[in-house]
Structure formats: C-alpha cells, structure tokens
C-alpha cells in the first residue's frame, strides 16, 4: 500500500492549536467522505509543538493532484480548508498555494 508523508506547521498560539485539535476530534462527514473517495484508506496526523506530520496510506490509484482537483470543486472541503488555514502556517519550502508539503523518506527498516 502506498504511503504519503507530509508536514505543515500550526501558528504558535496555544488557544488556536487547541481549537485545531478540537476540529479534528470528529471531522465533517463531507470531508471524511472526500478522503475516502480520493483513495485515502487511512490517515494520521501527529503534532510536536507547532510541527505537524501527516501519514496517508492510500490506494494504488491515489493521486495528490487528483485529490487537489477534486477538493478545489468541493464546497464543503473548501469551507473546511478556509477554517483550517486560520490555524496553519506554511513551511518555508511551501509553494505559494501549498500547505501540506511532501516529505522525503530517508530510511526504512524493511530495506536494511
């Protein structure tokens, strides 16, 4: 199963971070469905200070580009993203319209 790992920062504001975490206790059903529809089989987000790390296990047909295109025309996903961007801070490596940035895998035990 393919895996994508991405990083993003949250703004350094304890109240905002707590609110961001509250939103993720139970994400909106339309957002959840958009993840499944795109071929995301499982997703986890971890937080250390303000740095977030996302792991997505996806189907063989999953495409980051296709997911972005579908999200762009999904009103509820756009509403969710607008709210989330209030809490998020783009990484220095981000492109102008990029929030989550793919990470480079540098080690895997299975290949040792």
N, C-alpha and C. Protein backbone atom coordinates (compact mmCIF):
# COMPACT_ATOMS: atom_id res chain seq x y z
N UNK A 1 0.84 -1.17 0.00
CA UNK A 1 0.00 0.00 0.00
C UNK A 1 0.90 1.24 0.00
N UNK A 2 0.68 2.14 -0.96
CA UNK A 2 1.48 3.36 -0.98
C UNK A 2 1.21 4.23 0.25
N UNK A 3 2.23 4.99 0.61
CA UNK A 3 2.13 5.88 1.78
C UNK A 3 2.68 7.25 1.39
N UNK A 4 2.00 8.29 1.84
CA UNK A 4 2.48 9.65 1.65
C UNK A 4 2.66 10.26 3.03
N UNK A 5 3.77 10.96 3.23
CA UNK A 5 4.03 11.65 4.49
C UNK A 5 4.26 13.12 4.18
N UNK A 6 3.56 13.98 4.92
CA UNK A 6 3.59 15.41 4.66
C UNK A 6 3.77 16.18 5.96
N UNK A 7 4.26 17.41 5.85
CA UNK A 7 4.48 18.25 7.02
C UNK A 7 3.83 19.61 6.83
N UNK A 8 3.49 20.22 7.95
CA UNK A 8 2.91 21.56 7.97
C UNK A 8 3.06 22.09 9.39
N UNK A 9 3.11 23.39 9.54
CA UNK A 9 3.18 23.99 10.87
C UNK A 9 1.84 24.61 11.24
N UNK A 10 1.60 24.67 12.54
CA UNK A 10 0.50 25.45 13.07
C UNK A 10 1.07 26.76 13.59
N UNK A 11 0.24 27.78 13.65
CA UNK A 11 0.67 29.04 14.24
C UNK A 11 0.98 28.81 15.71
N UNK A 12 1.94 29.53 16.23
CA UNK A 12 2.38 29.35 17.61
C UNK A 12 1.43 30.08 18.56
N UNK A 13 0.27 29.46 18.77
CA UNK A 13 -0.80 30.03 19.58
C UNK A 13 -1.53 28.86 20.24
N UNK A 14 -1.34 28.72 21.53
CA UNK A 14 -1.89 27.56 22.25
C UNK A 14 -3.40 27.45 22.11
N UNK A 15 -4.11 28.58 22.13
CA UNK A 15 -5.56 28.56 22.00
C UNK A 15 -5.97 28.07 20.62
N UNK A 16 -5.29 28.57 19.58
CA UNK A 16 -5.59 28.15 18.21
C UNK A 16 -5.26 26.68 18.01
N UNK A 17 -4.15 26.21 18.57
CA UNK A 17 -3.78 24.80 18.44
C UNK A 17 -4.84 23.93 19.10
N UNK A 18 -5.32 24.32 20.26
CA UNK A 18 -6.37 23.56 20.94
C UNK A 18 -7.64 23.51 20.10
N UNK A 19 -7.98 24.64 19.45
CA UNK A 19 -9.18 24.66 18.60
C UNK A 19 -8.99 23.77 17.38
N UNK A 20 -7.79 23.82 16.78
CA UNK A 20 -7.48 22.96 15.63
C UNK A 20 -7.66 21.49 16.02
N UNK A 21 -7.16 21.13 17.18
CA UNK A 21 -7.29 19.75 17.64
C UNK A 21 -8.76 19.38 17.88
N UNK A 22 -9.54 20.31 18.39
CA UNK A 22 -10.97 20.05 18.61
C UNK A 22 -11.68 19.78 17.29
N UNK A 23 -11.34 20.54 16.24
CA UNK A 23 -11.94 20.29 14.93
C UNK A 23 -11.65 18.87 14.45
N UNK A 24 -10.51 18.33 14.83
CA UNK A 24 -10.12 17.02 14.33
C UNK A 24 -10.59 15.85 15.20
N UNK A 25 -11.29 16.13 16.29
CA UNK A 25 -11.87 15.05 17.09
C UNK A 25 -12.90 14.31 16.26
N UNK A 26 -13.67 15.05 15.48
CA UNK A 26 -14.66 14.45 14.58
C UNK A 26 -14.77 15.38 13.38
N UNK A 27 -14.07 15.02 12.31
CA UNK A 27 -14.09 15.88 11.12
C UNK A 27 -15.47 15.83 10.46
N UNK A 28 -15.74 16.84 9.67
CA UNK A 28 -17.03 16.89 8.99
C UNK A 28 -17.21 15.67 8.10
N UNK A 29 -18.42 15.12 8.04
CA UNK A 29 -18.66 13.91 7.23
C UNK A 29 -18.31 14.10 5.75
N UNK A 30 -18.56 15.29 5.21
CA UNK A 30 -18.25 15.54 3.80
C UNK A 30 -16.75 15.52 3.54
N UNK A 31 -15.99 16.01 4.50
CA UNK A 31 -14.53 16.00 4.38
C UNK A 31 -14.03 14.56 4.49
N UNK A 32 -14.56 13.82 5.44
CA UNK A 32 -14.18 12.41 5.59
C UNK A 32 -14.49 11.64 4.31
N UNK A 33 -15.67 11.86 3.74
CA UNK A 33 -16.04 11.15 2.51
C UNK A 33 -15.12 11.53 1.36
N UNK A 34 -14.70 12.79 1.29
CA UNK A 34 -13.80 13.21 0.21
C UNK A 34 -12.45 12.49 0.31
N UNK A 35 -12.03 12.19 1.52
CA UNK A 35 -10.77 11.45 1.71
C UNK A 35 -10.92 10.02 1.18
N UNK A 36 -12.01 9.37 1.58
CA UNK A 36 -12.25 8.00 1.10
C UNK A 36 -12.44 7.97 -0.41
N UNK A 37 -13.18 8.94 -0.95
CA UNK A 37 -13.43 9.00 -2.40
C UNK A 37 -12.13 9.14 -3.18
N UNK A 38 -11.15 9.80 -2.61
CA UNK A 38 -9.87 10.02 -3.29
C UNK A 38 -8.95 8.80 -3.24
N UNK A 39 -9.31 7.82 -2.41
CA UNK A 39 -8.47 6.63 -2.28
C UNK A 39 -7.58 6.64 -1.06
N UNK A 40 -7.87 7.53 -0.11
CA UNK A 40 -7.12 7.54 1.15
C UNK A 40 -7.77 6.51 2.05
N UNK A 41 -7.01 5.49 2.41
CA UNK A 41 -7.54 4.39 3.21
C UNK A 41 -7.36 4.61 4.70
N UNK A 42 -6.32 5.34 5.07
CA UNK A 42 -6.10 5.69 6.46
C UNK A 42 -5.26 6.95 6.50
N UNK A 43 -5.46 7.75 7.53
CA UNK A 43 -4.70 8.99 7.69
C UNK A 43 -4.49 9.23 9.17
N UNK A 44 -3.29 9.64 9.51
CA UNK A 44 -2.98 10.04 10.88
C UNK A 44 -2.23 11.36 10.82
N UNK A 45 -2.49 12.23 11.81
CA UNK A 45 -1.75 13.48 11.94
C UNK A 45 -1.16 13.51 13.34
N UNK A 46 0.13 13.80 13.41
CA UNK A 46 0.84 13.92 14.68
C UNK A 46 1.29 15.36 14.86
N UNK A 47 1.42 15.80 16.10
CA UNK A 47 1.80 17.17 16.41
C UNK A 47 2.90 17.17 17.45
N UNK A 48 3.94 17.97 17.19
CA UNK A 48 5.02 18.21 18.15
C UNK A 48 5.25 19.72 18.18
N UNK A 49 4.85 20.37 19.26
CA UNK A 49 4.93 21.83 19.30
C UNK A 49 3.98 22.41 18.27
N UNK A 50 4.54 23.00 17.22
CA UNK A 50 3.72 23.54 16.14
C UNK A 50 3.88 22.74 14.85
N UNK A 51 4.77 21.77 14.81
CA UNK A 51 5.03 20.99 13.60
C UNK A 51 4.09 19.79 13.54
N UNK A 52 3.39 19.67 12.41
CA UNK A 52 2.51 18.53 12.19
C UNK A 52 3.11 17.61 11.14
N UNK A 53 2.81 16.34 11.31
CA UNK A 53 3.27 15.30 10.40
C UNK A 53 2.06 14.43 10.06
N UNK A 54 1.77 14.30 8.76
CA UNK A 54 0.62 13.51 8.31
C UNK A 54 1.11 12.27 7.58
N UNK A 55 0.50 11.14 7.91
CA UNK A 55 0.75 9.88 7.22
C UNK A 55 -0.54 9.48 6.53
N UNK A 56 -0.47 9.26 5.22
CA UNK A 56 -1.64 8.79 4.48
C UNK A 56 -1.31 7.47 3.82
N UNK A 57 -2.07 6.45 4.13
CA UNK A 57 -1.99 5.18 3.42
C UNK A 57 -3.09 5.23 2.37
N UNK A 58 -2.69 4.99 1.12
CA UNK A 58 -3.60 5.24 0.00
C UNK A 58 -3.68 4.03 -0.93
N UNK A 59 -4.71 4.05 -1.75
CA UNK A 59 -4.87 3.01 -2.77
C UNK A 59 -3.83 3.21 -3.87
N UNK A 60 -3.63 2.19 -4.67
CA UNK A 60 -2.67 2.28 -5.78
C UNK A 60 -3.05 3.36 -6.79
N UNK A 61 -4.34 3.68 -6.88
CA UNK A 61 -4.79 4.67 -7.86
C UNK A 61 -4.78 6.10 -7.31
N UNK A 62 -4.40 6.29 -6.06
CA UNK A 62 -4.42 7.62 -5.45
C UNK A 62 -3.44 8.57 -6.15
N UNK A 63 -3.87 9.83 -6.27
CA UNK A 63 -3.03 10.87 -6.85
C UNK A 63 -3.22 12.15 -6.04
N UNK A 64 -2.11 12.75 -5.58
CA UNK A 64 -2.20 14.02 -4.87
C UNK A 64 -2.83 15.10 -5.76
N UNK A 65 -2.47 15.07 -7.04
CA UNK A 65 -3.00 16.06 -7.98
C UNK A 65 -4.51 15.89 -8.18
N UNK A 66 -4.97 14.64 -8.30
CA UNK A 66 -6.40 14.39 -8.47
C UNK A 66 -7.16 14.79 -7.20
N UNK A 67 -6.59 14.51 -6.05
CA UNK A 67 -7.24 14.90 -4.78
C UNK A 67 -7.35 16.42 -4.71
N UNK A 68 -6.30 17.14 -5.09
CA UNK A 68 -6.34 18.60 -5.07
C UNK A 68 -7.40 19.15 -6.03
N UNK A 69 -7.50 18.54 -7.20
CA UNK A 69 -8.50 18.98 -8.19
C UNK A 69 -9.92 18.74 -7.67
N UNK A 70 -10.15 17.58 -7.06
CA UNK A 70 -11.47 17.27 -6.50
C UNK A 70 -11.80 18.23 -5.36
N UNK A 71 -10.82 18.51 -4.53
CA UNK A 71 -11.04 19.43 -3.40
C UNK A 71 -11.39 20.83 -3.87
N UNK A 72 -10.79 21.25 -4.98
CA UNK A 72 -10.99 22.60 -5.49
C UNK A 72 -12.44 22.86 -5.88
N UNK A 73 -13.18 21.82 -6.23
CA UNK A 73 -14.58 21.99 -6.65
C UNK A 73 -15.58 21.48 -5.60
N UNK A 74 -15.07 21.08 -4.44
CA UNK A 74 -15.93 20.58 -3.36
C UNK A 74 -16.13 21.71 -2.35
N UNK A 75 -17.34 22.26 -2.32
CA UNK A 75 -17.63 23.43 -1.49
C UNK A 75 -17.35 23.17 -0.01
N UNK A 76 -17.74 22.01 0.51
CA UNK A 76 -17.54 21.73 1.93
C UNK A 76 -16.06 21.57 2.26
N UNK A 77 -15.30 20.94 1.37
CA UNK A 77 -13.86 20.81 1.59
C UNK A 77 -13.21 22.20 1.57
N UNK A 78 -13.64 23.05 0.66
CA UNK A 78 -13.10 24.42 0.60
C UNK A 78 -13.43 25.20 1.87
N UNK A 79 -14.63 25.02 2.38
CA UNK A 79 -15.03 25.67 3.63
C UNK A 79 -14.15 25.18 4.78
N UNK A 80 -13.94 23.86 4.85
CA UNK A 80 -13.08 23.26 5.87
C UNK A 80 -11.65 23.81 5.75
N UNK A 81 -11.13 23.84 4.54
CA UNK A 81 -9.75 24.31 4.34
C UNK A 81 -9.61 25.78 4.73
N UNK A 82 -10.60 26.59 4.45
CA UNK A 82 -10.56 28.00 4.84
C UNK A 82 -10.46 28.14 6.36
N UNK A 83 -11.22 27.33 7.06
CA UNK A 83 -11.16 27.35 8.53
C UNK A 83 -9.79 26.85 9.00
N UNK A 84 -9.31 25.74 8.43
CA UNK A 84 -8.03 25.18 8.87
C UNK A 84 -6.88 26.14 8.61
N UNK A 85 -6.92 26.87 7.52
CA UNK A 85 -5.82 27.79 7.19
C UNK A 85 -5.69 28.91 8.22
N UNK A 86 -6.74 29.17 8.97
CA UNK A 86 -6.64 30.17 10.05
C UNK A 86 -5.64 29.74 11.12
N UNK A 87 -5.47 28.42 11.28
CA UNK A 87 -4.60 27.88 12.31
C UNK A 87 -3.21 27.51 11.78
N UNK A 88 -3.11 27.34 10.48
CA UNK A 88 -1.91 26.79 9.87
C UNK A 88 -0.94 27.86 9.42
N UNK A 89 0.32 27.46 9.35
CA UNK A 89 1.40 28.34 8.88
C UNK A 89 2.20 27.55 7.86
N UNK A 90 2.32 28.08 6.67
CA UNK A 90 3.04 27.37 5.62
C UNK A 90 4.52 27.25 5.98
N UNK A 91 5.11 26.15 5.54
CA UNK A 91 6.55 25.95 5.74
C UNK A 91 7.33 26.82 4.76
N UNK A 92 8.57 27.15 5.08
CA UNK A 92 9.39 27.94 4.15
C UNK A 92 9.54 27.26 2.78
N UNK A 93 9.48 25.92 2.74
CA UNK A 93 9.63 25.17 1.49
C UNK A 93 8.35 25.16 0.65
N UNK A 94 7.25 25.66 1.20
CA UNK A 94 5.96 25.61 0.51
C UNK A 94 5.95 26.53 -0.71
N UNK A 95 5.23 26.07 -1.73
CA UNK A 95 4.90 26.94 -2.85
C UNK A 95 3.80 27.89 -2.38
N UNK A 96 3.52 28.92 -3.15
CA UNK A 96 2.57 29.95 -2.74
C UNK A 96 1.22 29.40 -2.30
N UNK A 97 0.69 28.41 -2.99
CA UNK A 97 -0.64 27.87 -2.68
C UNK A 97 -0.57 26.49 -2.02
N UNK A 98 0.58 26.13 -1.49
CA UNK A 98 0.78 24.79 -0.92
C UNK A 98 0.79 24.87 0.60
N UNK A 99 0.04 23.98 1.21
CA UNK A 99 0.03 23.93 2.67
C UNK A 99 0.80 22.72 3.14
N UNK A 100 0.26 21.53 2.97
CA UNK A 100 0.98 20.31 3.37
C UNK A 100 2.08 20.05 2.34
N UNK A 101 3.29 19.81 2.82
CA UNK A 101 4.45 19.60 1.94
C UNK A 101 4.91 18.15 2.05
N UNK A 102 5.03 17.45 0.91
CA UNK A 102 5.52 16.07 0.95
C UNK A 102 6.93 16.00 1.52
N UNK A 103 7.15 14.97 2.32
CA UNK A 103 8.46 14.76 2.94
C UNK A 103 9.21 13.67 2.18
N UNK A 104 10.52 13.72 2.27
CA UNK A 104 11.39 12.72 1.65
C UNK A 104 11.66 11.61 2.67
N UNK A 105 11.42 10.38 2.28
CA UNK A 105 11.77 9.26 3.15
C UNK A 105 13.27 9.05 3.07
N UNK A 106 13.92 9.00 4.20
CA UNK A 106 15.37 8.82 4.21
C UNK A 106 15.78 7.48 4.82
N UNK A 107 14.83 6.75 5.40
CA UNK A 107 15.16 5.46 5.99
C UNK A 107 13.92 4.60 6.06
N UNK A 108 14.09 3.31 5.83
CA UNK A 108 13.07 2.33 6.11
C UNK A 108 13.76 1.05 6.58
N UNK A 109 13.32 0.54 7.68
CA UNK A 109 13.91 -0.67 8.25
C UNK A 109 13.74 -1.85 7.32
N UNK A 110 12.65 -1.91 6.59
CA UNK A 110 12.37 -3.05 5.70
C UNK A 110 13.43 -3.21 4.62
N UNK A 111 14.13 -2.15 4.29
CA UNK A 111 15.14 -2.22 3.24
C UNK A 111 16.55 -2.43 3.79
N UNK A 112 16.69 -2.65 5.06
CA UNK A 112 18.01 -2.85 5.67
C UNK A 112 18.41 -4.31 5.65
